[in-house]
Every structure is written in structure tokens, then in C-alpha cells.
């Protein structure tokens, strides 16, 4: 689950900036 969460955060960061 941590992996999925980390990927989501990375994707969110990329989309944000």
C-alpha cells in the first residue's frame, strides 16, 4: 500500500508543478 501511496504522491507532485 505504501508503494501505491508513494506513486500517487509523486504523480500529484508532477501534475501540480
PDB file of N, CA and C in Angstrom:
ATOM      1  N   UNK A   1       0.854  -1.210   0.000  1.00  0.00           N
ATOM      2  CA  UNK A   1       0.000   0.000   0.000  1.00  0.00           C
ATOM      3  C   UNK A   1       0.881   1.248   0.000  1.00  0.00           C
ATOM      4  N   UNK A   2       1.998   1.160   0.715  1.00  0.00           N
ATOM      5  CA  UNK A   2       2.909   2.318   0.779  1.00  0.00           C
ATOM      6  C   UNK A   2       3.405   2.676  -0.612  1.00  0.00           C
ATOM      7  N   UNK A   3       3.632   1.640  -1.422  1.00  0.00           N
ATOM      8  CA  UNK A   3       4.123   1.876  -2.776  1.00  0.00           C
ATOM      9  C   UNK A   3       3.093   2.682  -3.567  1.00  0.00           C
ATOM     10  N   UNK A   4       1.827   2.271  -3.460  1.00  0.00           N
ATOM     11  CA  UNK A   4       0.758   2.964  -4.184  1.00  0.00           C
ATOM     12  C   UNK A   4       0.652   4.416  -3.718  1.00  0.00           C
ATOM     13  N   UNK A   5       0.751   4.593  -2.409  1.00  0.00           N
ATOM     14  CA  UNK A   5       0.650   5.942  -1.841  1.00  0.00           C
ATOM     15  C   UNK A   5       1.792   6.809  -2.355  1.00  0.00           C
ATOM     16  N   UNK A   6       3.001   6.253  -2.348  1.00  0.00           N
ATOM     17  CA  UNK A   6       4.164   6.996  -2.827  1.00  0.00           C
ATOM     18  C   UNK A   6       3.999   7.363  -4.293  1.00  0.00           C
ATOM     19  N   UNK A   7       3.513   6.431  -5.099  1.00  0.00           N
ATOM     20  CA  UNK A   7       3.326   6.701  -6.522  1.00  0.00           C
ATOM     21  C   UNK A   7       2.290   7.809  -6.705  1.00  0.00           C
ATOM     22  N   UNK A   8       1.222   7.748  -5.932  1.00  0.00           N
ATOM     23  CA  UNK A   8       0.173   8.770  -6.030  1.00  0.00           C
ATOM     24  C   UNK A   8       0.737  10.140  -5.681  1.00  0.00           C
ATOM     25  N   UNK A   9       1.557  10.191  -4.649  1.00  0.00           N
ATOM     26  CA  UNK A   9       2.143  11.477  -4.226  1.00  0.00           C
ATOM     27  C   UNK A   9       3.070  12.012  -5.316  1.00  0.00           C
ATOM     28  N   UNK A  10       3.863  11.126  -5.904  1.00  0.00           N
ATOM     29  CA  UNK A  10       4.795  11.534  -6.964  1.00  0.00           C
ATOM     30  C   UNK A  10       4.002  12.050  -8.162  1.00  0.00           C
ATOM     31  N   UNK A  11       2.951  11.344  -8.530  1.00  0.00           N
ATOM     32  CA  UNK A  11       2.136  11.767  -9.670  1.00  0.00           C
ATOM     33  C   UNK A  11       1.486  13.110  -9.364  1.00  0.00           C
ATOM     34  N   UNK A  12       0.961  13.257  -8.161  1.00  0.00           N
ATOM     35  CA  UNK A  12       0.327  14.512  -7.758  1.00  0.00           C
ATOM     36  C   UNK A  12       1.321  15.660  -7.840  1.00  0.00           C
ATOM     37  N   UNK A  13       2.557  15.404  -7.393  1.00  0.00           N
ATOM     38  CA  UNK A  13       3.593  16.434  -7.415  1.00  0.00           C
ATOM     39  C   UNK A  13       3.897  16.828  -8.857  1.00  0.00           C
ATOM     40  N   UNK A  14       3.973  15.834  -9.735  1.00  0.00           N
ATOM     41  CA  UNK A  14       4.281  16.101 -11.142  1.00  0.00           C
ATOM     42  C   UNK A  14       3.144  16.922 -11.767  1.00  0.00           C
ATOM     43  N   UNK A  15       1.912  16.551 -11.455  1.00  0.00           N
ATOM     44  CA  UNK A  15       0.767  17.264 -12.014  1.00  0.00           C
ATOM     45  C   UNK A  15       0.690  18.690 -11.470  1.00  0.00           C
ATOM     46  N   UNK A  16       1.065  18.822 -10.196  1.00  0.00           N
ATOM     47  CA  UNK A  16       0.977  20.134  -9.540  1.00  0.00           C
ATOM     48  C   UNK A  16       2.023  21.091 -10.107  1.00  0.00           C
ATOM     49  N   UNK A  17       3.223  20.575 -10.320  1.00  0.00           N
ATOM     50  CA  UNK A  17       4.237  21.515 -10.772  1.00  0.00           C
ATOM     51  C   UNK A  17       5.187  20.885 -11.759  1.00  0.00           C
TER      52      UNK A  17
END
